Protein backbone atom coordinates (compact mmCIF):
# COMPACT_ATOMS: atom_id res chain seq x y z
CA UNK A 1 -39.90 -35.44 -80.00
CA UNK A 2 -41.23 -38.06 -82.41
CA UNK A 3 -37.88 -39.89 -82.51
CA UNK A 4 -37.70 -40.00 -78.72
CA UNK A 5 -41.21 -41.44 -78.48
CA UNK A 6 -40.48 -44.03 -81.16
CA UNK A 7 -37.28 -45.11 -79.41
CA UNK A 8 -39.10 -45.46 -76.10
CA UNK A 9 -41.87 -47.62 -77.55
CA UNK A 10 -39.42 -49.82 -79.45
CA UNK A 11 -37.41 -50.54 -76.33
CA UNK A 12 -40.33 -50.59 -73.91
CA UNK A 13 -43.23 -51.84 -76.05
CA UNK A 14 -45.33 -53.28 -73.25
CA UNK A 15 -46.13 -49.71 -72.19
CA UNK A 16 -48.66 -49.86 -75.01
CA UNK A 17 -50.91 -51.62 -72.53
CA UNK A 18 -51.71 -48.23 -71.00
CA UNK A 19 -52.56 -46.43 -74.25
CA UNK A 20 -56.05 -45.05 -74.93
CA UNK A 21 -57.31 -45.01 -71.36
CA UNK A 22 -60.75 -43.86 -72.49
CA UNK A 23 -61.59 -47.35 -73.78
CA UNK A 24 -62.20 -50.57 -71.87
CA UNK A 25 -59.12 -52.81 -71.66
CA UNK A 26 -59.27 -56.28 -73.17
CA UNK A 27 -59.98 -59.14 -70.79
CA UNK A 28 -59.99 -62.86 -71.51
CA UNK A 29 -62.89 -64.29 -69.51
CA UNK A 30 -64.29 -61.62 -67.21
CA UNK A 31 -66.58 -58.65 -67.67
CA UNK A 32 -65.20 -55.46 -66.18
CA UNK A 33 -68.74 -54.13 -65.82
CA UNK A 34 -69.55 -57.08 -63.56
CA UNK A 35 -66.39 -56.37 -61.58
CA UNK A 36 -67.67 -52.90 -60.76
CA UNK A 37 -70.62 -54.47 -58.96
CA UNK A 38 -68.28 -56.34 -56.62
CA UNK A 39 -66.73 -53.26 -55.04
CA UNK A 40 -69.13 -53.39 -52.10
CA UNK A 41 -68.53 -57.11 -51.58
CA UNK A 42 -66.36 -58.31 -48.73
CA UNK A 43 -64.77 -61.73 -48.40
CA UNK A 44 -65.57 -62.81 -44.86
CA UNK A 45 -63.33 -65.85 -45.04
CA UNK A 46 -60.33 -63.57 -45.32
CA UNK A 47 -60.85 -62.54 -41.68
CA UNK A 48 -58.80 -65.67 -40.97
CA UNK A 49 -55.82 -63.37 -41.48
CA UNK A 50 -55.92 -62.95 -37.71
CA UNK A 51 -54.16 -66.32 -37.44
CA UNK A 52 -50.98 -64.49 -38.41
CA UNK A 53 -51.13 -62.29 -35.32
CA UNK A 54 -48.89 -64.80 -33.52
CA UNK A 55 -46.02 -64.11 -35.92
CA UNK A 56 -43.20 -61.91 -34.72
CA UNK A 57 -42.48 -58.64 -36.51
CA UNK A 58 -39.34 -60.19 -37.99
CA UNK A 59 -41.33 -63.13 -39.37
CA UNK A 60 -43.89 -60.77 -40.88
CA UNK A 61 -41.10 -58.70 -42.41
CA UNK A 62 -39.48 -61.75 -43.98
CA UNK A 63 -42.75 -62.97 -45.46
CA UNK A 64 -43.54 -59.50 -46.76
CA UNK A 65 -40.14 -59.30 -48.44
CA UNK A 66 -40.71 -62.71 -50.04
CA UNK A 67 -43.99 -61.62 -51.63
CA UNK A 68 -42.54 -58.27 -52.68
CA UNK A 69 -40.31 -59.84 -55.35
CA UNK A 70 -41.18 -59.19 -58.99
CA UNK A 71 -44.62 -58.59 -60.46
CA UNK A 72 -47.70 -60.16 -58.79
CA UNK A 73 -47.41 -63.30 -60.92
CA UNK A 74 -43.77 -64.02 -60.15
CA UNK A 75 -44.06 -65.87 -56.83
CA UNK A 76 -47.21 -67.67 -57.95
CA UNK A 77 -45.30 -69.00 -60.93
CA UNK A 78 -42.59 -70.37 -58.64
CA UNK A 79 -45.22 -72.05 -56.49
CA UNK A 80 -46.84 -73.53 -59.60
CA UNK A 81 -43.54 -74.97 -60.86
CA UNK A 82 -43.27 -76.89 -57.59
CA UNK A 83 -46.89 -78.04 -57.72
CA UNK A 84 -46.51 -79.38 -61.26
CA UNK A 85 -43.34 -81.24 -60.32
CA UNK A 86 -44.87 -82.68 -57.15
CA UNK A 87 -47.93 -83.91 -59.04
CA UNK A 88 -45.98 -85.08 -62.12
CA UNK A 89 -48.08 -83.02 -64.54
CA UNK A 90 -45.24 -81.79 -66.75
CA UNK A 91 -46.94 -82.26 -70.13
CA UNK A 92 -49.93 -80.29 -68.84
CA UNK A 93 -47.73 -77.42 -67.68
CA UNK A 94 -48.50 -75.04 -70.54
CA UNK A 95 -52.24 -75.43 -69.93
CA UNK A 96 -51.85 -74.76 -66.22
CA UNK A 97 -49.66 -71.71 -66.76
CA UNK A 98 -51.96 -70.30 -69.44
CA UNK A 99 -54.90 -70.54 -67.05
CA UNK A 100 -52.83 -69.03 -64.23
CA UNK A 101 -51.45 -66.05 -66.10
CA UNK A 102 -54.61 -65.22 -67.98
CA UNK A 103 -56.42 -65.20 -64.65
CA UNK A 104 -53.72 -62.95 -63.19
CA UNK A 105 -54.00 -60.65 -66.19
CA UNK A 106 -57.79 -60.39 -65.82
CA UNK A 107 -57.43 -59.85 -62.07
CA UNK A 108 -54.94 -57.08 -62.79
CA UNK A 109 -57.36 -55.38 -65.17
CA UNK A 110 -60.10 -55.75 -62.57
CA UNK A 111 -57.99 -53.99 -59.94
CA UNK A 112 -57.29 -51.18 -62.38
CA UNK A 113 -61.00 -50.88 -63.16
CA UNK A 114 -62.31 -50.53 -59.60
CA UNK A 115 -59.28 -48.66 -58.22
CA UNK A 116 -60.14 -49.53 -54.60
CA UNK A 117 -57.69 -52.37 -54.09
CA UNK A 118 -54.30 -53.44 -55.46
CA UNK A 119 -53.05 -55.51 -58.38
CA UNK A 120 -51.26 -57.80 -55.98
CA UNK A 121 -54.32 -58.66 -53.88
CA UNK A 122 -56.65 -59.42 -56.79
CA UNK A 123 -53.90 -61.42 -58.52
CA UNK A 124 -53.01 -63.42 -55.42
CA UNK A 125 -56.65 -64.23 -54.74
CA UNK A 126 -57.25 -65.28 -58.35
CA UNK A 127 -54.07 -67.36 -58.45
CA UNK A 128 -54.58 -69.14 -55.13
CA UNK A 129 -58.25 -69.97 -55.66
CA UNK A 130 -57.62 -71.19 -59.21
CA UNK A 131 -54.58 -73.28 -58.26
CA UNK A 132 -56.50 -74.82 -55.35
CA UNK A 133 -58.94 -76.18 -57.93
CA UNK A 134 -56.23 -77.34 -60.34
CA UNK A 135 -54.31 -79.10 -57.53
CA UNK A 136 -57.02 -80.35 -55.15
CA UNK A 137 -54.63 -82.48 -53.07
CA UNK A 138 -52.66 -79.32 -52.27
CA UNK A 139 -55.64 -76.98 -51.91
CA UNK A 140 -55.20 -76.31 -48.18
CA UNK A 141 -51.55 -75.32 -48.67
CA UNK A 142 -52.40 -73.13 -51.66
CA UNK A 143 -55.24 -71.26 -49.96
CA UNK A 144 -53.01 -70.67 -46.95
CA UNK A 145 -50.33 -69.19 -49.25
CA UNK A 146 -52.98 -66.94 -50.75
CA UNK A 147 -53.98 -65.67 -47.32
CA UNK A 148 -50.34 -65.17 -46.40
CA UNK A 149 -49.75 -63.22 -49.60
CA UNK A 150 -52.56 -60.73 -49.04
CA UNK A 151 -51.82 -60.50 -45.31
CA UNK A 152 -48.30 -59.36 -46.18
CA UNK A 153 -49.80 -56.17 -47.62
CA UNK A 154 -51.55 -55.52 -44.33
CA UNK A 155 -48.33 -55.97 -42.36
CA UNK A 156 -46.44 -53.63 -44.67
CA UNK A 157 -49.31 -51.12 -44.39
CA UNK A 158 -49.65 -51.04 -48.18
CA UNK A 159 -53.36 -51.85 -47.98
CA UNK A 160 -56.19 -51.63 -45.48
CA UNK A 161 -58.34 -54.54 -44.30
CA UNK A 162 -61.22 -53.24 -46.45
CA UNK A 163 -59.01 -53.06 -49.56
CA UNK A 164 -57.84 -56.61 -48.92
CA UNK A 165 -61.39 -57.91 -48.48
CA UNK A 166 -62.54 -56.19 -51.67
CA UNK A 167 -59.54 -57.34 -53.68
CA UNK A 168 -59.84 -60.90 -52.44
CA UNK A 169 -63.51 -61.04 -53.45
CA UNK A 170 -62.68 -59.70 -56.91
CA UNK A 171 -59.85 -62.19 -57.35
CA UNK A 172 -62.09 -65.04 -56.25
CA UNK A 173 -64.65 -63.98 -58.85
CA UNK A 174 -61.94 -64.11 -61.52
CA UNK A 175 -60.83 -67.55 -60.33
CA UNK A 176 -64.38 -68.87 -60.57
CA UNK A 177 -64.54 -67.83 -64.23
CA UNK A 178 -61.33 -69.72 -64.98
CA UNK A 179 -62.37 -72.77 -62.98
CA UNK A 180 -65.57 -72.97 -65.03
CA UNK A 181 -63.52 -72.66 -68.22
CA UNK A 182 -61.02 -75.31 -67.09
CA UNK A 183 -63.83 -77.80 -66.52
CA UNK A 184 -64.82 -77.54 -70.20
CA UNK A 185 -61.49 -77.05 -72.00
CA UNK A 186 -61.22 -80.65 -73.18
CA UNK A 187 -58.42 -81.62 -70.83
CA UNK A 188 -60.50 -84.42 -69.32
CA UNK A 189 -61.25 -86.12 -72.63
CA UNK A 190 -60.77 -89.88 -72.44
CA UNK A 191 -58.85 -91.66 -75.18
CA UNK A 192 -60.49 -94.75 -76.64
CA UNK A 193 -58.18 -95.22 -79.62
CA UNK A 194 -55.55 -97.84 -80.38
CA UNK A 195 -51.85 -97.58 -81.12
CA UNK A 196 -51.45 -98.16 -84.87
CA UNK A 197 -49.71 -101.37 -85.89
CA UNK A 198 -46.82 -101.18 -88.32
CA UNK A 199 -43.07 -101.24 -88.74
CA UNK A 200 -40.59 -99.10 -86.83
CA UNK A 201 -41.39 -95.99 -88.84
CA UNK A 202 -44.39 -95.74 -86.51
CA UNK A 203 -44.14 -95.12 -82.78
CA UNK A 204 -45.05 -98.02 -80.55
CA UNK A 205 -45.02 -98.43 -76.81
CA UNK A 206 -47.40 -98.53 -73.85
CA UNK A 207 -49.64 -95.86 -72.36
CA UNK A 208 -48.81 -92.91 -74.67
CA UNK A 209 -49.01 -89.64 -72.77
CA UNK A 210 -51.89 -87.20 -73.35
CA UNK A 211 -53.15 -88.59 -76.69
CA UNK A 212 -56.18 -86.25 -76.63
CA UNK A 213 -54.19 -83.05 -76.03
CA UNK A 214 -54.40 -82.11 -79.70
CA UNK A 215 -58.16 -81.76 -79.26
CA UNK A 216 -58.03 -79.49 -76.23
CA UNK A 217 -59.54 -76.02 -76.50
CA UNK A 218 -57.18 -73.36 -77.84
CA UNK A 219 -57.13 -69.76 -76.67
CA UNK A 220 -56.45 -67.89 -79.92
CA UNK A 221 -56.04 -70.15 -82.95
CA UNK A 222 -59.16 -71.86 -84.28
CA UNK A 223 -58.17 -75.44 -83.45
CA UNK A 224 -55.24 -77.79 -83.01
CA UNK A 225 -55.35 -79.02 -86.59
CA UNK A 226 -55.21 -75.62 -88.26
CA UNK A 227 -51.49 -75.94 -89.06
CA UNK A 228 -51.26 -79.72 -89.33
CA UNK A 229 -48.13 -80.56 -91.37
CA UNK A 230 -48.00 -82.85 -94.38
CA UNK A 231 -47.24 -86.56 -93.91
CA UNK A 232 -43.64 -87.69 -94.32
CA UNK A 233 -42.40 -90.00 -97.10
CA UNK A 234 -42.28 -93.73 -96.25
CA UNK A 235 -38.47 -93.83 -96.06
CA UNK A 236 -38.08 -90.68 -93.94
CA UNK A 237 -36.72 -92.47 -90.87
CA UNK A 238 -33.81 -94.06 -92.72
CA UNK A 239 -32.66 -90.70 -94.08
CA UNK A 240 -33.22 -88.90 -90.79
CA UNK A 241 -31.36 -91.56 -88.81
CA UNK A 242 -28.28 -91.00 -90.95
CA UNK A 243 -28.43 -87.27 -90.23
CA UNK A 244 -28.78 -87.96 -86.52
CA UNK A 245 -25.89 -90.44 -86.38
CA UNK A 246 -23.63 -88.03 -88.27
CA UNK A 247 -24.35 -85.15 -85.90
CA UNK A 248 -21.16 -84.05 -84.15
CA UNK A 249 -21.26 -84.18 -80.36
CA UNK A 250 -19.21 -81.79 -78.23
CA UNK A 251 -19.32 -80.58 -74.66
CA UNK A 252 -21.39 -77.59 -75.83
CA UNK A 253 -23.94 -79.68 -77.74
CA UNK A 254 -24.37 -82.00 -74.76
CA UNK A 255 -24.77 -79.00 -72.46
CA UNK A 256 -27.42 -77.61 -74.80
CA UNK A 257 -29.29 -80.93 -74.80
CA UNK A 258 -29.34 -81.14 -71.01
CA UNK A 259 -30.31 -77.47 -70.53
CA UNK A 260 -33.30 -77.69 -72.86
CA UNK A 261 -34.41 -81.01 -71.37
CA UNK A 262 -36.22 -78.88 -68.78
CA UNK A 263 -39.92 -78.07 -69.35
CA UNK A 264 -40.50 -75.31 -71.89
CA UNK A 265 -42.91 -73.51 -69.57
CA UNK A 266 -40.04 -73.03 -67.10
CA UNK A 267 -37.33 -72.14 -69.60
CA UNK A 268 -39.41 -69.55 -71.43
CA UNK A 269 -40.70 -68.13 -68.15
CA UNK A 270 -37.11 -67.45 -67.12
CA UNK A 271 -36.37 -65.88 -70.51
CA UNK A 272 -39.43 -63.62 -70.33
CA UNK A 273 -38.82 -62.75 -66.66
CA UNK A 274 -35.31 -61.62 -67.51
CA UNK A 275 -36.69 -59.16 -70.06
CA UNK A 276 -39.41 -58.02 -67.67
CA UNK A 277 -36.65 -57.23 -65.17
CA UNK A 278 -34.40 -55.55 -67.75
CA UNK A 279 -37.20 -53.29 -68.97
CA UNK A 280 -38.43 -52.59 -65.41
CA UNK A 281 -41.83 -54.10 -66.13
CA UNK A 282 -41.82 -55.77 -62.72
CA UNK A 283 -42.79 -52.29 -61.49
CA UNK A 284 -45.67 -52.19 -63.99
CA UNK A 285 -48.03 -55.09 -63.11
CA UNK A 286 -50.40 -54.67 -66.10
CA UNK A 287 -47.48 -54.73 -68.54
CA UNK A 288 -45.86 -57.75 -66.88
CA UNK A 289 -49.20 -59.57 -66.77
CA UNK A 290 -49.65 -58.95 -70.49
CA UNK A 291 -46.24 -60.45 -71.30
CA UNK A 292 -46.82 -63.61 -69.27
CA UNK A 293 -50.38 -64.06 -70.57
CA UNK A 294 -49.42 -63.80 -74.24
CA UNK A 295 -46.35 -65.98 -73.72
CA UNK A 296 -48.34 -68.86 -72.24
CA UNK A 297 -51.11 -68.59 -74.82
CA UNK A 298 -48.39 -68.89 -77.46
CA UNK A 299 -46.85 -71.90 -75.72
CA UNK A 300 -50.13 -73.70 -75.08
CA UNK A 301 -51.77 -73.15 -78.46
CA UNK A 302 -48.56 -74.26 -80.16
CA UNK A 303 -48.39 -77.38 -77.99
CA UNK A 304 -51.92 -78.32 -79.02
CA UNK A 305 -50.94 -78.13 -82.71
CA UNK A 306 -47.89 -80.31 -82.06
CA UNK A 307 -49.95 -82.94 -80.23
CA UNK A 308 -52.56 -82.94 -82.98
CA UNK A 309 -49.86 -83.91 -85.49
CA UNK A 310 -48.14 -86.37 -83.15
CA UNK A 311 -51.28 -88.43 -82.70
CA UNK A 312 -52.43 -88.03 -86.30
CA UNK A 313 -49.31 -89.59 -87.78
CA UNK A 314 -47.81 -91.58 -84.87
CA UNK A 315 -44.34 -91.24 -86.41
CA UNK A 316 -41.40 -92.90 -84.73
CA UNK A 317 -38.57 -91.65 -82.56
CA UNK A 318 -34.88 -92.51 -83.04
CA UNK A 319 -34.67 -95.20 -80.33
CA UNK A 320 -37.93 -96.77 -81.50
CA UNK A 321 -36.79 -96.91 -85.11
CA UNK A 322 -33.40 -98.31 -84.10
CA UNK A 323 -33.54 -100.03 -80.69
CA UNK A 324 -29.72 -100.16 -80.60
CA UNK A 325 -29.53 -96.36 -80.63
CA UNK A 326 -28.97 -94.78 -77.21
CA UNK A 327 -30.18 -91.19 -76.83
CA UNK A 328 -28.33 -88.76 -74.58
CA UNK A 329 -31.46 -87.74 -72.69
CA UNK A 330 -34.64 -89.56 -71.77
CA UNK A 331 -37.12 -90.09 -74.61
CA UNK A 332 -40.67 -88.93 -73.80
CA UNK A 333 -43.42 -91.52 -74.04
CA UNK A 334 -45.29 -90.23 -77.10
CA UNK A 335 -44.75 -89.98 -80.87
CA UNK A 336 -42.05 -87.74 -82.29
CA UNK A 337 -43.35 -85.73 -85.24
CA UNK A 338 -43.23 -82.77 -84.74
CA UNK A 339 -41.05 -81.77 -81.80
CA UNK A 340 -43.05 -80.13 -79.03
CA UNK A 341 -40.05 -78.10 -77.85
CA UNK A 342 -39.47 -76.80 -81.37
CA UNK A 343 -43.11 -75.91 -81.96
CA UNK A 344 -43.65 -74.16 -78.64
CA UNK A 345 -40.24 -72.48 -78.71
CA UNK A 346 -40.80 -70.90 -82.11
CA UNK A 347 -44.22 -69.66 -81.02
CA UNK A 348 -42.81 -68.21 -77.79
CA UNK A 349 -39.95 -66.51 -79.64
CA UNK A 350 -42.38 -64.95 -82.11
CA UNK A 351 -44.64 -63.35 -79.50
CA UNK A 352 -41.72 -62.23 -77.33
CA UNK A 353 -40.07 -60.73 -80.40
CA UNK A 354 -43.24 -58.72 -80.93
CA UNK A 355 -43.37 -57.58 -77.29
CA UNK A 356 -39.64 -56.80 -77.13
CA UNK A 357 -38.65 -55.98 -80.75
CA UNK A 358 -35.12 -54.91 -79.86
CA UNK A 359 -34.50 -58.49 -78.67
CA UNK A 360 -36.17 -60.32 -81.55
CA UNK A 361 -32.95 -61.93 -82.82
CA UNK A 362 -32.10 -63.07 -79.29
CA UNK A 363 -35.41 -64.92 -78.94
CA UNK A 364 -35.13 -66.48 -82.39
CA UNK A 365 -31.63 -67.75 -81.61
CA UNK A 366 -32.91 -69.32 -78.40
CA UNK A 367 -35.76 -71.06 -80.19
CA UNK A 368 -33.32 -72.47 -82.77
CA UNK A 369 -31.06 -73.66 -79.97
CA UNK A 370 -34.02 -75.31 -78.25
CA UNK A 371 -34.94 -77.11 -81.45
CA UNK A 372 -31.39 -78.32 -82.07
CA UNK A 373 -31.19 -79.55 -78.49
CA UNK A 374 -33.65 -82.31 -79.34
CA UNK A 375 -31.37 -83.53 -82.13
CA UNK A 376 -28.32 -83.29 -79.85
CA UNK A 377 -30.23 -85.21 -77.19
CA UNK A 378 -31.05 -87.97 -79.65
CA UNK A 379 -34.79 -87.93 -79.01
CA UNK A 380 -35.93 -86.29 -82.25
CA UNK A 381 -35.11 -86.40 -85.93
CA UNK A 382 -34.16 -83.15 -87.64
CA UNK A 383 -37.42 -83.13 -89.61
CA UNK A 384 -39.33 -83.13 -86.30
CA UNK A 385 -37.55 -79.92 -85.35
CA UNK A 386 -37.73 -78.03 -88.64
CA UNK A 387 -41.40 -78.87 -89.05
CA UNK A 388 -42.13 -77.91 -85.46
CA UNK A 389 -40.45 -74.53 -85.87
CA UNK A 390 -42.47 -73.81 -89.02
CA UNK A 391 -45.68 -74.65 -87.19
CA UNK A 392 -44.69 -72.67 -84.11
CA UNK A 393 -43.97 -69.54 -86.13
CA UNK A 394 -47.40 -69.77 -87.70
CA UNK A 395 -49.02 -70.07 -84.29
CA UNK A 396 -46.90 -67.21 -82.95
CA UNK A 397 -47.90 -64.99 -85.85
CA UNK A 398 -51.55 -65.63 -85.05
CA UNK A 399 -50.94 -64.63 -81.44
CA UNK A 400 -49.24 -61.44 -82.65
CA UNK A 401 -52.24 -60.58 -84.85
CA UNK A 402 -54.52 -61.22 -81.89
CA UNK A 403 -52.41 -58.98 -79.65
CA UNK A 404 -52.32 -56.18 -82.21
CA UNK A 405 -56.09 -56.29 -82.53
CA UNK A 406 -57.04 -56.58 -78.87
CA UNK A 407 -54.30 -55.01 -76.82
CA UNK A 408 -54.04 -51.77 -78.77
CA UNK A 409 -56.86 -50.58 -76.50
CA UNK A 410 -54.98 -51.32 -73.28
């Protein structure tokens, strides 16, 4: 019996979220005791669901099927990808997704606590109300999608009007906690520094992107500078440029460079979602919410450490050091050392390897591929990548320690 249990937990580790039901589950920003007081609350604004009465049964069925896909956070992630792209907030993507999926996780725990609504309703309310704040120009569209999402459960007869009203109120409460946090997380810090003068071993350009990101508030690690790497020797760029120019290019290396040119928050979402599907966690909302939450904490905290180092040292990129060099992919408008993709990828691989230990080598191989893609693309030196991976593993290990300490009760 012991061997069967061990095998099951090794291949389906996220089930640990349901262990020890006699203790309160971990939550990030909300109090589950406060949630219990909201069970008698109704959200009167949600009565606007009557606007959907004009839809045909076929239209209602199609919308219900759309929202039925995956765990509660799946469709909201897809919507958020589009919102980030529309608003050109790519560098901020890890922050946005961390806020989103931690809110969904807390909303999921809230639904489990009160047991008078559904995971989907609390999550959809939390997601839509939070995203409406994060993307104010699109707030009307987002709130409408939130109403459509919860209405779909009424059409499919999965939930009653009362359950929807209660769940929406709970989700809105969760969103308010995250909105308050987002207003104070450092993301609105103004930069009043100057670009350091120097030779081409230092980055130079105009309007560097997100120079204060390294000072933003982290979720788990103490601060962005906790794993700041050592400075590089004065002649590093000359040596690294030789390595870069001697790198062999093939169809496969070019394909790797173009694939990983996509935002890390999208690539690692797809990787995690694949495992959630393979292990049937899309049928277990608390387990899926845990995976996404820890993944995006790992990505965001690692990104903060990378940006701290980037704007501490201001080290160059290949096409800045040698203006005659033509990279394969577009060079981002900020310093190079260390690579953000490498740092975040190693952190993501570490936490996913903890959550899905049977796939640990798979995640590590992907993070190494992601790091090498920056060399293949010609936008980073090798030292940017190796240093970033070292930093990312350290961040990931801290997230693992945090998960072991806090989620053993879930």
